[in-house]
Amino acid sequence: MDKKIKNIPHEEIVTLRELVPCQEGQVVSRTLAQNNAVSVTLFSFAKGEEISTHRSEGDAFVTCLEGVGKITIDGEEYFLKEGQSIVMPAGHPHAVYGEEAFKMLLVVIF
């Protein structure tokens, strides 16, 4: 049977932030699911690393797993801390920056 969720153990308790190590000078990602309706990806950002301003065709739901990330939506900055979430609306310019080492779960609904 083809697994819909990949790159993560099944039938095992996991701590998501442990699945994406922070590596100096890098943004690290691990895709867990991707199809025409949804994309689920774990990210880690070393301090000072970023994904520059872009737009998405879907609503992007971000949850901070560790650290502090700066989320910019339509030019407005939001500082996301562990346990906090924000939605980056479809079609709006947004960016993500590691204010410090930062890990997040990204769910995009298309």
C-alpha atoms as a PDB file:
ATOM      1  CA  MET A   1       0.000   0.000   0.000  1.00  0.00           C
ATOM      2  CA  ASP A   2       1.318   3.445  -0.978  1.00  0.00           C
ATOM      3  CA  LYS A   3       1.908   5.655   2.089  1.00  0.00           C
ATOM      4  CA  LYS A   4       0.398   9.129   1.884  1.00  0.00           C
ATOM      5  CA  ILE A   5       2.644  10.458   4.670  1.00  0.00           C
ATOM      6  CA  LYS A   6       6.350   9.782   4.119  1.00  0.00           C
ATOM      7  CA  ASN A   7       9.750  10.554   5.658  1.00  0.00           C
ATOM      8  CA  ILE A   8       8.418  10.007   9.174  1.00  0.00           C
ATOM      9  CA  PRO A   9       7.988   6.811  11.194  1.00  0.00           C
ATOM     10  CA  HIS A  10       4.492   5.345  11.191  1.00  0.00           C
ATOM     11  CA  GLU A  11       2.845   3.894  14.306  1.00  0.00           C
ATOM     12  CA  GLU A  12       5.516   5.513  16.491  1.00  0.00           C
ATOM     13  CA  ILE A  13       5.437   8.598  18.713  1.00  0.00           C
ATOM     14  CA  VAL A  14       7.780  11.273  17.358  1.00  0.00           C
ATOM     15  CA  THR A  15       8.837  14.779  18.347  1.00  0.00           C
ATOM     16  CA  LEU A  16       8.616  16.813  15.155  1.00  0.00           C
ATOM     17  CA  ARG A  17      11.361  19.302  16.049  1.00  0.00           C
ATOM     18  CA  GLU A  18      13.827  16.415  16.350  1.00  0.00           C
ATOM     19  CA  LEU A  19      13.246  15.379  12.707  1.00  0.00           C
ATOM     20  CA  VAL A  20      14.881  18.500  11.195  1.00  0.00           C
ATOM     21  CA  PRO A  21      18.289  19.437  12.590  1.00  0.00           C
ATOM     22  CA  CYS A  22      19.462  23.055  12.527  1.00  0.00           C
ATOM     23  CA  GLN A  23      22.592  23.296  10.410  1.00  0.00           C
ATOM     24  CA  GLU A  24      24.662  26.460  10.366  1.00  0.00           C
ATOM     25  CA  GLY A  25      24.130  28.531   7.252  1.00  0.00           C
ATOM     26  CA  GLN A  26      21.228  26.415   6.003  1.00  0.00           C
ATOM     27  CA  VAL A  27      17.504  25.988   5.765  1.00  0.00           C
ATOM     28  CA  VAL A  28      16.686  22.287   6.137  1.00  0.00           C
ATOM     29  CA  SER A  29      13.362  20.793   5.051  1.00  0.00           C
ATOM     30  CA  ARG A  30      11.640  17.422   5.242  1.00  0.00           C
ATOM     31  CA  THR A  31       8.501  16.887   3.179  1.00  0.00           C
ATOM     32  CA  LEU A  32       5.953  14.685   4.937  1.00  0.00           C
ATOM     33  CA  ALA A  33       3.131  14.854   2.377  1.00  0.00           C
ATOM     34  CA  GLN A  34       2.517  16.568  -0.929  1.00  0.00           C
ATOM     35  CA  ASN A  35      -0.281  16.345  -3.453  1.00  0.00           C
ATOM     36  CA  ASN A  36      -2.661  18.661  -5.346  1.00  0.00           C
ATOM     37  CA  ALA A  37      -4.634  19.464  -2.184  1.00  0.00           C
ATOM     38  CA  VAL A  38      -2.041  19.721   0.608  1.00  0.00           C
ATOM     39  CA  SER A  39       1.652  20.048   1.377  1.00  0.00           C
ATOM     40  CA  VAL A  40       3.094  19.245   4.828  1.00  0.00           C
ATOM     41  CA  THR A  41       6.752  20.109   5.448  1.00  0.00           C
ATOM     42  CA  LEU A  42       9.049  20.471   8.444  1.00  0.00           C
ATOM     43  CA  PHE A  43      11.649  23.247   8.283  1.00  0.00           C
ATOM     44  CA  SER A  44      14.612  24.341  10.347  1.00  0.00           C
ATOM     45  CA  PHE A  45      16.372  27.667   9.888  1.00  0.00           C
ATOM     46  CA  ALA A  46      19.795  28.474  11.244  1.00  0.00           C
ATOM     47  CA  LYS A  47      19.914  31.924  12.830  1.00  0.00           C
ATOM     48  CA  GLY A  48      19.892  34.503  10.042  1.00  0.00           C
ATOM     49  CA  GLU A  49      18.709  32.139   7.286  1.00  0.00           C
ATOM     50  CA  GLU A  50      15.531  32.824   5.348  1.00  0.00           C
ATOM     51  CA  ILE A  51      13.103  31.968   2.609  1.00  0.00           C
ATOM     52  CA  SER A  52      12.772  35.233   0.711  1.00  0.00           C
ATOM     53  CA  THR A  53       9.507  36.918  -0.203  1.00  0.00           C
ATOM     54  CA  HIS A  54       7.263  34.832  -2.441  1.00  0.00           C
ATOM     55  CA  ARG A  55       3.580  33.966  -2.940  1.00  0.00           C
ATOM     56  CA  SER A  56       1.751  30.672  -2.612  1.00  0.00           C
ATOM     57  CA  GLU A  57      -1.378  29.457  -4.372  1.00  0.00           C
ATOM     58  CA  GLY A  58      -2.615  27.992  -1.087  1.00  0.00           C
ATOM     59  CA  ASP A  59      -3.201  29.165   2.465  1.00  0.00           C
ATOM     60  CA  ALA A  60      -0.032  28.415   4.440  1.00  0.00           C
ATOM     61  CA  PHE A  61      -0.443  27.480   8.120  1.00  0.00           C
ATOM     62  CA  VAL A  62       2.796  27.758  10.144  1.00  0.00           C
ATOM     63  CA  THR A  63       3.365  26.436  13.665  1.00  0.00           C
ATOM     64  CA  CYS A  64       6.598  27.213  15.513  1.00  0.00           C
ATOM     65  CA  LEU A  65       8.129  24.066  17.002  1.00  0.00           C
ATOM     66  CA  GLU A  66      11.232  25.693  18.500  1.00  0.00           C
ATOM     67  CA  GLY A  67      13.027  29.043  18.622  1.00  0.00           C
ATOM     68  CA  VAL A  68      11.824  32.332  17.147  1.00  0.00           C
ATOM     69  CA  GLY A  69      10.980  33.029  13.531  1.00  0.00           C
ATOM     70  CA  LYS A  70      10.079  36.283  11.852  1.00  0.00           C
ATOM     71  CA  ILE A  71       7.155  35.889   9.463  1.00  0.00           C
ATOM     72  CA  THR A  72       6.532  38.779   7.090  1.00  0.00           C
ATOM     73  CA  ILE A  73       3.124  39.001   5.390  1.00  0.00           C
ATOM     74  CA  ASP A  74       2.291  41.937   3.117  1.00  0.00           C
ATOM     75  CA  GLY A  75       5.263  43.799   4.621  1.00  0.00           C
ATOM     76  CA  GLU A  76       4.079  43.373   8.238  1.00  0.00           C
ATOM     77  CA  GLU A  77       6.388  41.448  10.612  1.00  0.00           C
ATOM     78  CA  TYR A  78       5.218  38.847  13.134  1.00  0.00           C
ATOM     79  CA  PHE A  79       7.532  37.087  15.601  1.00  0.00           C
ATOM     80  CA  LEU A  80       6.451  33.485  16.051  1.00  0.00           C
ATOM     81  CA  LYS A  81       7.521  31.603  19.198  1.00  0.00           C
ATOM     82  CA  GLU A  82       7.246  27.966  20.224  1.00  0.00           C
ATOM     83  CA  GLY A  83       3.634  26.791  20.239  1.00  0.00           C
ATOM     84  CA  GLN A  84       2.348  29.771  18.253  1.00  0.00           C
ATOM     85  CA  SER A  85       0.813  29.613  14.768  1.00  0.00           C
ATOM     86  CA  ILE A  86      -0.055  31.993  11.943  1.00  0.00           C
ATOM     87  CA  VAL A  87      -1.743  31.738   8.546  1.00  0.00           C
ATOM     88  CA  MET A  88      -0.078  33.274   5.506  1.00  0.00           C
ATOM     89  CA  PRO A  89      -3.032  33.793   3.128  1.00  0.00           C
ATOM     90  CA  ALA A  90      -2.922  32.520  -0.446  1.00  0.00           C
ATOM     91  CA  GLY A  91      -1.681  35.053  -2.962  1.00  0.00           C
ATOM     92  CA  HIS A  92      -0.134  37.401  -0.381  1.00  0.00           C
ATOM     93  CA  PRO A  93       3.620  38.038  -0.416  1.00  0.00           C
ATOM     94  CA  HIS A  94       5.324  36.451   2.586  1.00  0.00           C
ATOM     95  CA  ALA A  95       8.775  35.480   3.871  1.00  0.00           C
ATOM     96  CA  VAL A  96      10.261  33.477   6.753  1.00  0.00           C
ATOM     97  CA  TYR A  97      13.447  34.413   8.647  1.00  0.00           C
ATOM     98  CA  GLY A  98      15.271  32.646  11.478  1.00  0.00           C
ATOM     99  CA  GLU A  99      15.438  35.364  14.125  1.00  0.00           C
ATOM    100  CA  GLU A 100      17.285  32.688  16.071  1.00  0.00           C
ATOM    101  CA  ALA A 101      17.565  28.966  15.331  1.00  0.00           C
ATOM    102  CA  PHE A 102      13.963  28.216  14.353  1.00  0.00           C
ATOM    103  CA  LYS A 103      11.931  25.108  13.514  1.00  0.00           C
ATOM    104  CA  MET A 104       8.429  25.079  12.074  1.00  0.00           C
ATOM    105  CA  LEU A 105       5.722  22.881  10.639  1.00  0.00           C
ATOM    106  CA  LEU A 106       4.221  24.215   7.404  1.00  0.00           C
ATOM    107  CA  VAL A 107       0.851  23.003   6.131  1.00  0.00           C
ATOM    108  CA  VAL A 108      -0.311  24.481   2.826  1.00  0.00           C
ATOM    109  CA  ILE A 109      -3.893  23.886   1.717  1.00  0.00           C
ATOM    110  CA  PHE A 110      -4.507  24.388  -2.017  1.00  0.00           C
END
